[in-house]
Full PDB file with SEQRES, HELIX, SHEET, SSBOND, CRYST1, ORIGX, SCALE, CONECT and MASTER records, all heavy atoms in Angstrom:
SEQRES   1 A   44  THR VAL GLN LYS GLY ASP THR LEU TYR LEU ILE ALA VAL          
SEQRES   2 A   44  ARG ASN LYS LEU SER VAL ALA GLN LEU LYS SER LEU ASN          
SEQRES   3 A   44  ASN LEU THR THR ASP THR ILE TYR VAL GLY GLN VAL LEU          
SEQRES   4 A   44  LYS LEU THR THR SER                                          
HELIX    1 AA1 LEU A    8  ARG A   14  1                                   7    
HELIX    2 AA2 VAL A   19  LEU A   25  1                                   7    
CRYST1    1.000    1.000    1.000  90.00  90.00  90.00 P 1           1          
ORIGX1      1.000000  0.000000  0.000000        0.00000                         
ORIGX2      0.000000  1.000000  0.000000        0.00000                         
ORIGX3      0.000000  0.000000  1.000000        0.00000                         
SCALE1      1.000000  0.000000  0.000000        0.00000                         
SCALE2      0.000000  1.000000  0.000000        0.00000                         
SCALE3      0.000000  0.000000  1.000000        0.00000                         
ATOM      1  N   THR A   1       0.858  -1.188   0.013  1.00  0.00           N  
ATOM      2  CA  THR A   1       0.032   0.003   0.001  1.00  0.00           C  
ATOM      3  C   THR A   1       0.861   1.256   0.019  1.00  0.00           C  
ATOM      4  O   THR A   1       1.721   1.389   0.886  1.00  0.00           O  
ATOM      5  CB  THR A   1      -0.964   0.013   1.211  1.00  0.00           C  
ATOM      6  OG1 THR A   1      -1.688  -1.173   1.208  1.00  0.00           O  
ATOM      7  CG2 THR A   1      -1.821   1.242   1.182  1.00  0.00           C  
ATOM      8  N   VAL A   2       0.713   2.106  -0.975  1.00  0.00           N  
ATOM      9  CA  VAL A   2       1.567   3.260  -1.145  1.00  0.00           C  
ATOM     10  C   VAL A   2       1.412   4.252   0.041  1.00  0.00           C  
ATOM     11  O   VAL A   2       0.311   4.550   0.514  1.00  0.00           O  
ATOM     12  CB  VAL A   2       1.178   4.038  -2.438  1.00  0.00           C  
ATOM     13  CG1 VAL A   2       1.999   5.326  -2.601  1.00  0.00           C  
ATOM     14  CG2 VAL A   2       1.372   3.107  -3.623  1.00  0.00           C  
ATOM     15  N   GLN A   3       2.597   4.682   0.567  1.00  0.00           N  
ATOM     16  CA  GLN A   3       2.650   5.560   1.673  1.00  0.00           C  
ATOM     17  C   GLN A   3       3.119   6.984   1.183  1.00  0.00           C  
ATOM     18  O   GLN A   3       3.667   7.134   0.093  1.00  0.00           O  
ATOM     19  CB  GLN A   3       3.660   5.090   2.730  1.00  0.00           C  
ATOM     20  CG  GLN A   3       3.397   3.657   3.197  1.00  0.00           C  
ATOM     21  CD  GLN A   3       2.098   3.480   3.894  1.00  0.00           C  
ATOM     22  OE1 GLN A   3       1.779   4.301   4.822  1.00  0.00           O  
ATOM     23  NE2 GLN A   3       1.356   2.395   3.607  1.00  0.00           N  
ATOM     24  N   LYS A   4       2.893   8.028   2.030  1.00  0.00           N  
ATOM     25  CA  LYS A   4       3.348   9.330   1.703  1.00  0.00           C  
ATOM     26  C   LYS A   4       4.882   9.337   1.463  1.00  0.00           C  
ATOM     27  O   LYS A   4       5.618   8.792   2.249  1.00  0.00           O  
ATOM     28  CB  LYS A   4       3.022  10.296   2.870  1.00  0.00           C  
ATOM     29  CG  LYS A   4       3.355  11.785   2.536  1.00  0.00           C  
ATOM     30  CD  LYS A   4       2.901  12.632   3.632  1.00  0.00           C  
ATOM     31  CE  LYS A   4       3.277  14.145   3.393  1.00  0.00           C  
ATOM     32  NZ  LYS A   4       2.860  15.090   4.421  1.00  0.00           N  
ATOM     33  N   GLY A   5       5.347   9.937   0.404  1.00  0.00           N  
ATOM     34  CA  GLY A   5       6.757  10.019   0.094  1.00  0.00           C  
ATOM     35  C   GLY A   5       7.260   8.901  -0.783  1.00  0.00           C  
ATOM     36  O   GLY A   5       8.422   8.908  -1.243  1.00  0.00           O  
ATOM     37  N   ASP A   6       6.403   7.865  -1.049  1.00  0.00           N  
ATOM     38  CA  ASP A   6       6.841   6.761  -1.862  1.00  0.00           C  
ATOM     39  C   ASP A   6       6.921   7.193  -3.334  1.00  0.00           C  
ATOM     40  O   ASP A   6       6.241   8.086  -3.832  1.00  0.00           O  
ATOM     41  CB  ASP A   6       5.790   5.601  -1.833  1.00  0.00           C  
ATOM     42  CG  ASP A   6       6.047   4.685  -0.597  1.00  0.00           C  
ATOM     43  OD1 ASP A   6       7.168   4.731  -0.067  1.00  0.00           O  
ATOM     44  OD2 ASP A   6       5.112   4.018  -0.215  1.00  0.00           O  
ATOM     45  N   THR A   7       7.832   6.542  -4.066  1.00  0.00           N  
ATOM     46  CA  THR A   7       7.911   6.576  -5.546  1.00  0.00           C  
ATOM     47  C   THR A   7       7.976   5.191  -6.034  1.00  0.00           C  
ATOM     48  O   THR A   7       8.338   4.239  -5.304  1.00  0.00           O  
ATOM     49  CB  THR A   7       9.153   7.380  -5.977  1.00  0.00           C  
ATOM     50  OG1 THR A   7      10.338   6.647  -5.567  1.00  0.00           O  
ATOM     51  CG2 THR A   7       9.217   8.752  -5.392  1.00  0.00           C  
ATOM     52  N   LEU A   8       7.713   4.934  -7.318  1.00  0.00           N  
ATOM     53  CA  LEU A   8       7.843   3.642  -7.903  1.00  0.00           C  
ATOM     54  C   LEU A   8       9.228   3.126  -7.814  1.00  0.00           C  
ATOM     55  O   LEU A   8       9.499   1.948  -7.533  1.00  0.00           O  
ATOM     56  CB  LEU A   8       7.423   3.681  -9.376  1.00  0.00           C  
ATOM     57  CG  LEU A   8       5.968   3.686  -9.722  1.00  0.00           C  
ATOM     58  CD1 LEU A   8       5.722   3.742 -11.197  1.00  0.00           C  
ATOM     59  CD2 LEU A   8       5.204   2.461  -9.096  1.00  0.00           C  
ATOM     60  N   TYR A   9      10.205   4.015  -7.924  1.00  0.00           N  
ATOM     61  CA  TYR A   9      11.619   3.580  -7.760  1.00  0.00           C  
ATOM     62  C   TYR A   9      11.921   3.018  -6.406  1.00  0.00           C  
ATOM     63  O   TYR A   9      12.483   1.975  -6.278  1.00  0.00           O  
ATOM     64  CB  TYR A   9      12.540   4.769  -8.088  1.00  0.00           C  
ATOM     65  CG  TYR A   9      14.030   4.505  -7.817  1.00  0.00           C  
ATOM     66  CD1 TYR A   9      14.761   3.802  -8.763  1.00  0.00           C  
ATOM     67  CD2 TYR A   9      14.607   4.976  -6.733  1.00  0.00           C  
ATOM     68  CE1 TYR A   9      16.078   3.518  -8.572  1.00  0.00           C  
ATOM     69  CE2 TYR A   9      15.989   4.703  -6.490  1.00  0.00           C  
ATOM     70  CZ  TYR A   9      16.734   4.002  -7.405  1.00  0.00           C  
ATOM     71  OH  TYR A   9      18.059   3.708  -7.243  1.00  0.00           O  
ATOM     72  N   LEU A  10      11.504   3.736  -5.335  1.00  0.00           N  
ATOM     73  CA  LEU A  10      11.778   3.303  -3.972  1.00  0.00           C  
ATOM     74  C   LEU A  10      11.079   1.934  -3.696  1.00  0.00           C  
ATOM     75  O   LEU A  10      11.643   1.049  -3.095  1.00  0.00           O  
ATOM     76  CB  LEU A  10      11.408   4.374  -2.948  1.00  0.00           C  
ATOM     77  CG  LEU A  10      12.235   5.622  -2.954  1.00  0.00           C  
ATOM     78  CD1 LEU A  10      11.648   6.623  -1.973  1.00  0.00           C  
ATOM     79  CD2 LEU A  10      13.687   5.303  -2.534  1.00  0.00           C  
ATOM     80  N   ILE A  11       9.825   1.877  -4.094  1.00  0.00           N  
ATOM     81  CA  ILE A  11       9.052   0.623  -3.886  1.00  0.00           C  
ATOM     82  C   ILE A  11       9.662  -0.534  -4.591  1.00  0.00           C  
ATOM     83  O   ILE A  11       9.819  -1.676  -4.082  1.00  0.00           O  
ATOM     84  CB  ILE A  11       7.603   0.804  -4.324  1.00  0.00           C  
ATOM     85  CG1 ILE A  11       6.920   1.887  -3.429  1.00  0.00           C  
ATOM     86  CG2 ILE A  11       6.790  -0.487  -4.139  1.00  0.00           C  
ATOM     87  CD1 ILE A  11       5.548   2.369  -3.942  1.00  0.00           C  
ATOM     88  N   ALA A  12      10.087  -0.291  -5.853  1.00  0.00           N  
ATOM     89  CA  ALA A  12      10.690  -1.380  -6.618  1.00  0.00           C  
ATOM     90  C   ALA A  12      12.024  -1.848  -5.977  1.00  0.00           C  
ATOM     91  O   ALA A  12      12.276  -3.065  -5.832  1.00  0.00           O  
ATOM     92  CB  ALA A  12      11.047  -0.814  -8.049  1.00  0.00           C  
ATOM     93  N   VAL A  13      12.854  -0.931  -5.559  1.00  0.00           N  
ATOM     94  CA  VAL A  13      14.152  -1.280  -4.925  1.00  0.00           C  
ATOM     95  C   VAL A  13      13.918  -2.085  -3.669  1.00  0.00           C  
ATOM     96  O   VAL A  13      14.580  -3.098  -3.439  1.00  0.00           O  
ATOM     97  CB  VAL A  13      15.007   0.001  -4.628  1.00  0.00           C  
ATOM     98  CG1 VAL A  13      16.180  -0.319  -3.737  1.00  0.00           C  
ATOM     99  CG2 VAL A  13      15.462   0.645  -5.945  1.00  0.00           C  
ATOM    100  N   ARG A  14      12.994  -1.643  -2.801  1.00  0.00           N  
ATOM    101  CA  ARG A  14      12.748  -2.337  -1.570  1.00  0.00           C  
ATOM    102  C   ARG A  14      12.293  -3.756  -1.762  1.00  0.00           C  
ATOM    103  O   ARG A  14      12.492  -4.606  -0.936  1.00  0.00           O  
ATOM    104  CB  ARG A  14      11.703  -1.610  -0.777  1.00  0.00           C  
ATOM    105  CG  ARG A  14      12.154  -0.279  -0.177  1.00  0.00           C  
ATOM    106  CD  ARG A  14      10.968   0.438   0.489  1.00  0.00           C  
ATOM    107  NE  ARG A  14      11.201   1.776   0.796  1.00  0.00           N  
ATOM    108  CZ  ARG A  14      10.308   2.752   0.763  1.00  0.00           C  
ATOM    109  NH1 ARG A  14       9.043   2.454   0.411  1.00  0.00           N  
ATOM    110  NH2 ARG A  14      10.627   3.996   1.037  1.00  0.00           N  
ATOM    111  N   ASN A  15      11.602  -4.034  -2.848  1.00  0.00           N  
ATOM    112  CA  ASN A  15      11.045  -5.311  -3.110  1.00  0.00           C  
ATOM    113  C   ASN A  15      11.746  -6.104  -4.260  1.00  0.00           C  
ATOM    114  O   ASN A  15      11.190  -7.067  -4.750  1.00  0.00           O  
ATOM    115  CB  ASN A  15       9.534  -5.135  -3.474  1.00  0.00           C  
ATOM    116  CG  ASN A  15       8.762  -4.682  -2.282  1.00  0.00           C  
ATOM    117  OD1 ASN A  15       8.429  -5.376  -1.325  1.00  0.00           O  
ATOM    118  ND2 ASN A  15       8.467  -3.375  -2.266  1.00  0.00           N  
ATOM    119  N   LYS A  16      12.962  -5.670  -4.513  1.00  0.00           N  
ATOM    120  CA  LYS A  16      13.846  -6.353  -5.524  1.00  0.00           C  
ATOM    121  C   LYS A  16      13.156  -6.517  -6.833  1.00  0.00           C  
ATOM    122  O   LYS A  16      13.190  -7.570  -7.438  1.00  0.00           O  
ATOM    123  CB  LYS A  16      14.261  -7.732  -4.915  1.00  0.00           C  
ATOM    124  CG  LYS A  16      15.071  -7.565  -3.646  1.00  0.00           C  
ATOM    125  CD  LYS A  16      15.517  -8.911  -3.110  1.00  0.00           C  
ATOM    126  CE  LYS A  16      16.301  -8.738  -1.834  1.00  0.00           C  
ATOM    127  NZ  LYS A  16      16.713 -10.106  -1.252  1.00  0.00           N  
ATOM    128  N   LEU A  17      12.556  -5.446  -7.291  1.00  0.00           N  
ATOM    129  CA  LEU A  17      11.954  -5.379  -8.622  1.00  0.00           C  
ATOM    130  C   LEU A  17      12.522  -4.200  -9.412  1.00  0.00           C  
ATOM    131  O   LEU A  17      13.134  -3.282  -8.824  1.00  0.00           O  
ATOM    132  CB  LEU A  17      10.411  -5.196  -8.530  1.00  0.00           C  
ATOM    133  CG  LEU A  17       9.583  -6.293  -7.847  1.00  0.00           C  
ATOM    134  CD1 LEU A  17       8.208  -5.821  -7.565  1.00  0.00           C  
ATOM    135  CD2 LEU A  17       9.580  -7.539  -8.690  1.00  0.00           C  
ATOM    136  N   SER A  18      12.330  -4.186 -10.678  1.00  0.00           N  
ATOM    137  CA  SER A  18      12.651  -2.999 -11.483  1.00  0.00           C  
ATOM    138  C   SER A  18      11.333  -2.203 -11.617  1.00  0.00           C  
ATOM    139  O   SER A  18      10.298  -2.713 -11.447  1.00  0.00           O  
ATOM    140  CB  SER A  18      13.148  -3.416 -12.842  1.00  0.00           C  
ATOM    141  OG  SER A  18      12.146  -4.021 -13.633  1.00  0.00           O  
ATOM    142  N   VAL A  19      11.544  -0.912 -11.926  1.00  0.00           N  
ATOM    143  CA  VAL A  19      10.321  -0.064 -12.126  1.00  0.00           C  
ATOM    144  C   VAL A  19       9.484  -0.605 -13.230  1.00  0.00           C  
ATOM    145  O   VAL A  19       8.285  -0.654 -13.153  1.00  0.00           O  
ATOM    146  CB  VAL A  19      10.759   1.392 -12.396  1.00  0.00           C  
ATOM    147  CG1 VAL A  19       9.591   2.230 -12.811  1.00  0.00           C  
ATOM    148  CG2 VAL A  19      11.431   1.998 -11.199  1.00  0.00           C  
ATOM    149  N   ALA A  20      10.157  -1.073 -14.304  1.00  0.00           N  
ATOM    150  CA  ALA A  20       9.392  -1.647 -15.438  1.00  0.00           C  
ATOM    151  C   ALA A  20       8.509  -2.892 -15.029  1.00  0.00           C  
ATOM    152  O   ALA A  20       7.415  -3.005 -15.465  1.00  0.00           O  
ATOM    153  CB  ALA A  20      10.366  -2.048 -16.560  1.00  0.00           C  
ATOM    154  N   GLN A  21       9.127  -3.726 -14.182  1.00  0.00           N  
ATOM    155  CA  GLN A  21       8.351  -4.930 -13.728  1.00  0.00           C  
ATOM    156  C   GLN A  21       7.186  -4.461 -12.848  1.00  0.00           C  
ATOM    157  O   GLN A  21       6.084  -5.014 -12.938  1.00  0.00           O  
ATOM    158  CB  GLN A  21       9.315  -5.799 -12.950  1.00  0.00           C  
ATOM    159  CG  GLN A  21      10.289  -6.566 -13.837  1.00  0.00           C  
ATOM    160  CD  GLN A  21      11.384  -7.250 -13.011  1.00  0.00           C  
ATOM    161  OE1 GLN A  21      11.721  -6.798 -11.931  1.00  0.00           O  
ATOM    162  NE2 GLN A  21      11.891  -8.321 -13.583  1.00  0.00           N  
ATOM    163  N   LEU A  22       7.429  -3.492 -11.993  1.00  0.00           N  
ATOM    164  CA  LEU A  22       6.402  -3.020 -11.109  1.00  0.00           C  
ATOM    165  C   LEU A  22       5.181  -2.408 -11.877  1.00  0.00           C  
ATOM    166  O   LEU A  22       4.060  -2.627 -11.647  1.00  0.00           O  
ATOM    167  CB  LEU A  22       6.951  -1.953 -10.158  1.00  0.00           C  
ATOM    168  CG  LEU A  22       6.068  -1.595  -8.903  1.00  0.00           C  
ATOM    169  CD1 LEU A  22       5.740  -2.826  -8.110  1.00  0.00           C  
ATOM    170  CD2 LEU A  22       6.814  -0.618  -8.043  1.00  0.00           C  
ATOM    171  N   LYS A  23       5.564  -1.654 -12.959  1.00  0.00           N  
ATOM    172  CA  LYS A  23       4.513  -1.071 -13.822  1.00  0.00           C  
ATOM    173  C   LYS A  23       3.798  -2.122 -14.598  1.00  0.00           C  
ATOM    174  O   LYS A  23       2.555  -2.080 -14.771  1.00  0.00           O  
ATOM    175  CB  LYS A  23       5.165  -0.059 -14.752  1.00  0.00           C  
ATOM    176  CG  LYS A  23       5.647   1.196 -14.059  1.00  0.00           C  
ATOM    177  CD  LYS A  23       6.472   2.128 -14.971  1.00  0.00           C  
ATOM    178  CE  LYS A  23       5.601   2.903 -15.890  1.00  0.00           C  
ATOM    179  NZ  LYS A  23       6.317   3.938 -16.657  1.00  0.00           N  
ATOM    180  N   SER A  24       4.481  -3.182 -15.033  1.00  0.00           N  
ATOM    181  CA  SER A  24       3.896  -4.231 -15.790  1.00  0.00           C  
ATOM    182  C   SER A  24       2.949  -5.048 -14.911  1.00  0.00           C  
ATOM    183  O   SER A  24       1.812  -5.367 -15.323  1.00  0.00           O  
ATOM    184  CB  SER A  24       4.971  -5.175 -16.350  1.00  0.00           C  
ATOM    185  OG  SER A  24       4.400  -6.251 -17.027  1.00  0.00           O  
ATOM    186  N   LEU A  25       3.350  -5.325 -13.694  1.00  0.00           N  
ATOM    187  CA  LEU A  25       2.491  -6.067 -12.762  1.00  0.00           C  
ATOM    188  C   LEU A  25       1.207  -5.346 -12.439  1.00  0.00           C  
ATOM    189  O   LEU A  25       0.143  -5.994 -12.184  1.00  0.00           O  
ATOM    190  CB  LEU A  25       3.209  -6.319 -11.430  1.00  0.00           C  
ATOM    191  CG  LEU A  25       4.289  -7.432 -11.454  1.00  0.00           C  
ATOM    192  CD1 LEU A  25       5.088  -7.375 -10.163  1.00  0.00           C  
ATOM    193  CD2 LEU A  25       3.713  -8.771 -11.573  1.00  0.00           C  
ATOM    194  N   ASN A  26       1.229  -4.023 -12.517  1.00  0.00           N  
ATOM    195  CA  ASN A  26       0.091  -3.211 -12.084  1.00  0.00           C  
ATOM    196  C   ASN A  26      -0.600  -2.479 -13.251  1.00  0.00           C  
ATOM    197  O   ASN A  26      -1.388  -1.574 -13.050  1.00  0.00           O  
ATOM    198  CB  ASN A  26       0.485  -2.232 -10.981  1.00  0.00           C  
ATOM    199  CG  ASN A  26       0.866  -2.958  -9.728  1.00  0.00           C  
ATOM    200  OD1 ASN A  26       0.021  -3.337  -8.938  1.00  0.00           O  
ATOM    201  ND2 ASN A  26       2.118  -3.158  -9.513  1.00  0.00           N  
ATOM    202  N   ASN A  27      -0.142  -2.796 -14.493  1.00  0.00           N  
ATOM    203  CA  ASN A  27      -0.773  -2.165 -15.711  1.00  0.00           C  
ATOM    204  C   ASN A  27      -0.651  -0.627 -15.608  1.00  0.00           C  
ATOM    205  O   ASN A  27      -1.597   0.007 -16.009  1.00  0.00           O  
ATOM    206  CB  ASN A  27      -2.177  -2.617 -15.892  1.00  0.00           C  
ATOM    207  CG  ASN A  27      -2.318  -4.125 -16.067  1.00  0.00           C  
ATOM    208  OD1 ASN A  27      -1.518  -4.740 -16.797  1.00  0.00           O  
ATOM    209  ND2 ASN A  27      -3.250  -4.708 -15.359  1.00  0.00           N  
ATOM    210  N   LEU A  28       0.491  -0.120 -15.156  1.00  0.00           N  
ATOM    211  CA  LEU A  28       0.633   1.287 -15.073  1.00  0.00           C  
ATOM    212  C   LEU A  28       1.321   1.809 -16.353  1.00  0.00           C  
ATOM    213  O   LEU A  28       2.243   1.233 -16.857  1.00  0.00           O  
ATOM    214  CB  LEU A  28       1.522   1.656 -13.904  1.00  0.00           C  
ATOM    215  CG  LEU A  28       1.061   1.217 -12.507  1.00  0.00           C  
ATOM    216  CD1 LEU A  28       2.094   1.577 -11.397  1.00  0.00           C  
ATOM    217  CD2 LEU A  28      -0.232   1.893 -12.168  1.00  0.00           C  
ATOM    218  N   THR A  29       0.802   2.973 -16.833  1.00  0.00           N  
ATOM    219  CA  THR A  29       1.345   3.558 -18.028  1.00  0.00           C  
ATOM    220  C   THR A  29       2.213   4.775 -17.765  1.00  0.00           C  
ATOM    221  O   THR A  29       2.907   5.352 -18.639  1.00  0.00           O  
ATOM    222  CB  THR A  29       0.223   3.944 -19.014  1.00  0.00           C  
ATOM    223  OG1 THR A  29      -0.651   4.859 -18.321  1.00  0.00           O  
ATOM    224  CG2 THR A  29      -0.502   2.706 -19.489  1.00  0.00           C  
ATOM    225  N   THR A  30       2.205   5.223 -16.519  1.00  0.00           N  
ATOM    226  CA  THR A  30       3.010   6.390 -16.034  1.00  0.00           C  
ATOM    227  C   THR A  30       3.658   6.007 -14.689  1.00  0.00           C  
ATOM    228  O   THR A  30       3.376   4.960 -14.069  1.00  0.00           O  
ATOM    229  CB  THR A  30       2.130   7.664 -15.855  1.00  0.00           C  
ATOM    230  OG1 THR A  30       1.339   7.560 -14.684  1.00  0.00           O  
ATOM    231  CG2 THR A  30       1.314   7.929 -17.082  1.00  0.00           C  
ATOM    232  N   ASP A  31       4.508   6.898 -14.202  1.00  0.00           N  
ATOM    233  CA  ASP A  31       5.127   6.703 -12.863  1.00  0.00           C  
ATOM    234  C   ASP A  31       4.341   7.308 -11.740  1.00  0.00           C  
ATOM    235  O   ASP A  31       4.710   7.280 -10.589  1.00  0.00           O  
ATOM    236  CB  ASP A  31       6.521   7.396 -12.841  1.00  0.00           C  
ATOM    237  CG  ASP A  31       7.517   6.598 -13.781  1.00  0.00           C  
ATOM    238  OD1 ASP A  31       7.189   5.485 -14.213  1.00  0.00           O  
ATOM    239  OD2 ASP A  31       8.582   7.186 -14.104  1.00  0.00           O  
ATOM    240  N   THR A  32       3.141   7.811 -12.059  1.00  0.00           N  
ATOM    241  CA  THR A  32       2.280   8.443 -11.050  1.00  0.00           C  
ATOM    242  C   THR A  32       1.607   7.390 -10.175  1.00  0.00           C  
ATOM    243  O   THR A  32       1.017   6.474 -10.613  1.00  0.00           O  
ATOM    244  CB  THR A  32       1.236   9.316 -11.702  1.00  0.00           C  
ATOM    245  OG1 THR A  32       1.844  10.338 -12.514  1.00  0.00           O  
ATOM    246  CG2 THR A  32       0.351  10.075 -10.626  1.00  0.00           C  
ATOM    247  N   ILE A  33       1.729   7.591  -8.812  1.00  0.00           N  
ATOM    248  CA  ILE A  33       1.085   6.798  -7.885  1.00  0.00           C  
ATOM    249  C   ILE A  33       0.455   7.672  -6.796  1.00  0.00           C  
ATOM    250  O   ILE A  33       0.839   8.833  -6.690  1.00  0.00           O  
ATOM    251  CB  ILE A  33       1.991   5.695  -7.220  1.00  0.00           C  
ATOM    252  CG1 ILE A  33       3.206   6.434  -6.590  1.00  0.00           C  
ATOM    253  CG2 ILE A  33       2.418   4.645  -8.153  1.00  0.00           C  
ATOM    254  CD1 ILE A  33       4.159   5.478  -5.855  1.00  0.00           C  
ATOM    255  N   TYR A  34      -0.518   7.105  -6.009  1.00  0.00           N  
ATOM    256  CA  TYR A  34      -1.154   7.980  -4.970  1.00  0.00           C  
ATOM    257  C   TYR A  34      -1.187   7.213  -3.646  1.00  0.00           C  
ATOM    258  O   TYR A  34      -1.171   5.972  -3.575  1.00  0.00           O  
ATOM    259  CB  TYR A  34      -2.579   8.330  -5.397  1.00  0.00           C  
ATOM    260  CG  TYR A  34      -3.442   7.170  -5.750  1.00  0.00           C  
ATOM    261  CD1 TYR A  34      -4.272   6.498  -4.774  1.00  0.00           C  
ATOM    262  CD2 TYR A  34      -3.576   6.685  -7.042  1.00  0.00           C  
ATOM    263  CE1 TYR A  34      -5.006   5.402  -5.083  1.00  0.00           C  
ATOM    264  CE2 TYR A  34      -4.376   5.583  -7.345  1.00  0.00           C  
ATOM    265  CZ  TYR A  34      -5.098   4.967  -6.359  1.00  0.00           C  
ATOM    266  OH  TYR A  34      -5.885   3.877  -6.619  1.00  0.00           O  
ATOM    267  N   VAL A  35      -1.248   7.969  -2.549  1.00  0.00           N  
ATOM    268  CA  VAL A  35      -1.235   7.370  -1.211  1.00  0.00           C  
ATOM    269  C   VAL A  35      -2.512   6.506  -1.061  1.00  0.00           C  
ATOM    270  O   VAL A  35      -3.636   6.868  -1.450  1.00  0.00           O  
ATOM    271  CB  VAL A  35      -1.252   8.506  -0.162  1.00  0.00           C  
ATOM    272  CG1 VAL A  35      -1.426   7.869   1.223  1.00  0.00           C  
ATOM    273  CG2 VAL A  35       0.032   9.307  -0.206  1.00  0.00           C  
ATOM    274  N   GLY A  36      -2.268   5.317  -0.544  1.00  0.00           N  
ATOM    275  CA  GLY A  36      -3.390   4.373  -0.333  1.00  0.00           C  
ATOM    276  C   GLY A  36      -3.557   3.433  -1.509  1.00  0.00           C  
ATOM    277  O   GLY A  36      -4.241   2.413  -1.390  1.00  0.00           O  
ATOM    278  N   GLN A  37      -2.862   3.696  -2.617  1.00  0.00           N  
ATOM    279  CA  GLN A  37      -2.981   2.733  -3.760  1.00  0.00           C  
ATOM    280  C   GLN A  37      -2.321   1.418  -3.432  1.00  0.00           C  
ATOM    281  O   GLN A  37      -1.256   1.363  -2.794  1.00  0.00           O  
ATOM    282  CB  GLN A  37      -2.243   3.341  -4.974  1.00  0.00           C  
ATOM    283  CG  GLN A  37      -2.289   2.559  -6.250  1.00  0.00           C  
ATOM    284  CD  GLN A  37      -1.679   3.325  -7.394  1.00  0.00           C  
ATOM    285  OE1 GLN A  37      -1.106   4.423  -7.262  1.00  0.00           O  
ATOM    286  NE2 GLN A  37      -1.710   2.760  -8.575  1.00  0.00           N  
ATOM    287  N   VAL A  38      -2.961   0.330  -3.778  1.00  0.00           N  
ATOM    288  CA  VAL A  38      -2.398  -1.046  -3.546  1.00  0.00           C  
ATOM    289  C   VAL A  38      -1.790  -1.538  -4.801  1.00  0.00           C  
ATOM    290  O   VAL A  38      -2.395  -1.640  -5.838  1.00  0.00           O  
ATOM    291  CB  VAL A  38      -3.580  -1.983  -3.059  1.00  0.00           C  
ATOM    292  CG1 VAL A  38      -2.935  -3.358  -2.866  1.00  0.00           C  
ATOM    293  CG2 VAL A  38      -4.215  -1.490  -1.789  1.00  0.00           C  
ATOM    294  N   LEU A  39      -0.492  -1.907  -4.667  1.00  0.00           N  
ATOM    295  CA  LEU A  39       0.292  -2.355  -5.812  1.00  0.00           C  
ATOM    296  C   LEU A  39       0.645  -3.815  -5.646  1.00  0.00           C  
ATOM    297  O   LEU A  39       1.001  -4.251  -4.571  1.00  0.00           O  
ATOM    298  CB  LEU A  39       1.637  -1.561  -5.927  1.00  0.00           C  
ATOM    299  CG  LEU A  39       1.449  -0.050  -6.203  1.00  0.00           C  
ATOM    300  CD1 LEU A  39       2.834   0.570  -6.208  1.00  0.00           C  
ATOM    301  CD2 LEU A  39       0.722   0.250  -7.504  1.00  0.00           C  
ATOM    302  N   LYS A  40       0.533  -4.567  -6.696  1.00  0.00           N  
ATOM    303  CA  LYS A  40       0.973  -5.946  -6.735  1.00  0.00           C  
ATOM    304  C   LYS A  40       2.469  -6.042  -6.743  1.00  0.00           C  
ATOM    305  O   LYS A  40       3.130  -5.292  -7.524  1.00  0.00           O  
ATOM    306  CB  LYS A  40       0.395  -6.703  -7.946  1.00  0.00           C  
ATOM    307  CG  LYS A  40      -1.125  -6.881  -7.927  1.00  0.00           C  
ATOM    308  CD  LYS A  40      -1.546  -7.626  -9.259  1.00  0.00           C  
ATOM    309  CE  LYS A  40      -3.049  -7.749  -9.291  1.00  0.00           C  
ATOM    310  NZ  LYS A  40      -3.485  -8.424 -10.565  1.00  0.00           N  
ATOM    311  N   LEU A  41       3.046  -6.907  -6.024  1.00  0.00           N  
ATOM    312  CA  LEU A  41       4.509  -7.126  -5.966  1.00  0.00           C  
ATOM    313  C   LEU A  41       4.863  -8.499  -6.579  1.00  0.00           C  
ATOM    314  O   LEU A  41       6.060  -8.762  -6.801  1.00  0.00           O  
ATOM    315  CB  LEU A  41       5.031  -7.022  -4.562  1.00  0.00           C  
ATOM    316  CG  LEU A  41       4.792  -5.756  -3.821  1.00  0.00           C  
ATOM    317  CD1 LEU A  41       5.352  -5.801  -2.400  1.00  0.00           C  
ATOM    318  CD2 LEU A  41       5.330  -4.551  -4.571  1.00  0.00           C  
ATOM    319  N   THR A  42       3.898  -9.330  -6.838  1.00  0.00           N  
ATOM    320  CA  THR A  42       4.129 -10.619  -7.435  1.00  0.00           C  
ATOM    321  C   THR A  42       3.131 -10.982  -8.486  1.00  0.00           C  
ATOM    322  O   THR A  42       2.055 -10.280  -8.550  1.00  0.00           O  
ATOM    323  CB  THR A  42       4.062 -11.726  -6.363  1.00  0.00           C  
ATOM    324  OG1 THR A  42       2.798 -11.650  -5.748  1.00  0.00           O  
ATOM    325  CG2 THR A  42       5.131 -11.590  -5.302  1.00  0.00           C  
ATOM    326  N   THR A  43       3.407 -11.886  -9.288  1.00  0.00           N  
ATOM    327  CA  THR A  43       2.495 -12.284 -10.340  1.00  0.00           C  
ATOM    328  C   THR A  43       1.333 -13.055  -9.700  1.00  0.00           C  
ATOM    329  O   THR A  43       1.511 -13.652  -8.638  1.00  0.00           O  
ATOM    330  CB  THR A  43       3.173 -13.198 -11.398  1.00  0.00           C  
ATOM    331  OG1 THR A  43       3.830 -14.277 -10.786  1.00  0.00           O  
ATOM    332  CG2 THR A  43       4.168 -12.364 -12.185  1.00  0.00           C  
ATOM    333  N   SER A  44       0.227 -13.126 -10.356  1.00  0.00           N  
ATOM    334  CA  SER A  44      -0.978 -13.844  -9.786  1.00  0.00           C  
ATOM    335  C   SER A  44      -0.677 -15.285  -9.530  1.00  0.00           C  
ATOM    336  O   SER A  44      -0.094 -15.968 -10.404  1.00  0.00           O  
ATOM    337  CB  SER A  44      -2.065 -13.681 -10.796  1.00  0.00           C  
ATOM    338  OG  SER A  44      -3.283 -14.364 -10.330  1.00  0.00           O  
TER     339      SER A  44                                                      
MASTER        0    0    0    2    0    0    0    6  338    1    0    4          
END                                                                             
């Protein structure tokens, strides 16, 4: 769950993912995220 101050880069690094993988997992087309957003960290 996205917290204040988070970026895709920081979330990706913490979870041993690349930004591209994180965007692909969550069908994101931009780097914009919002507080409270729930992001998938693994494949289904």
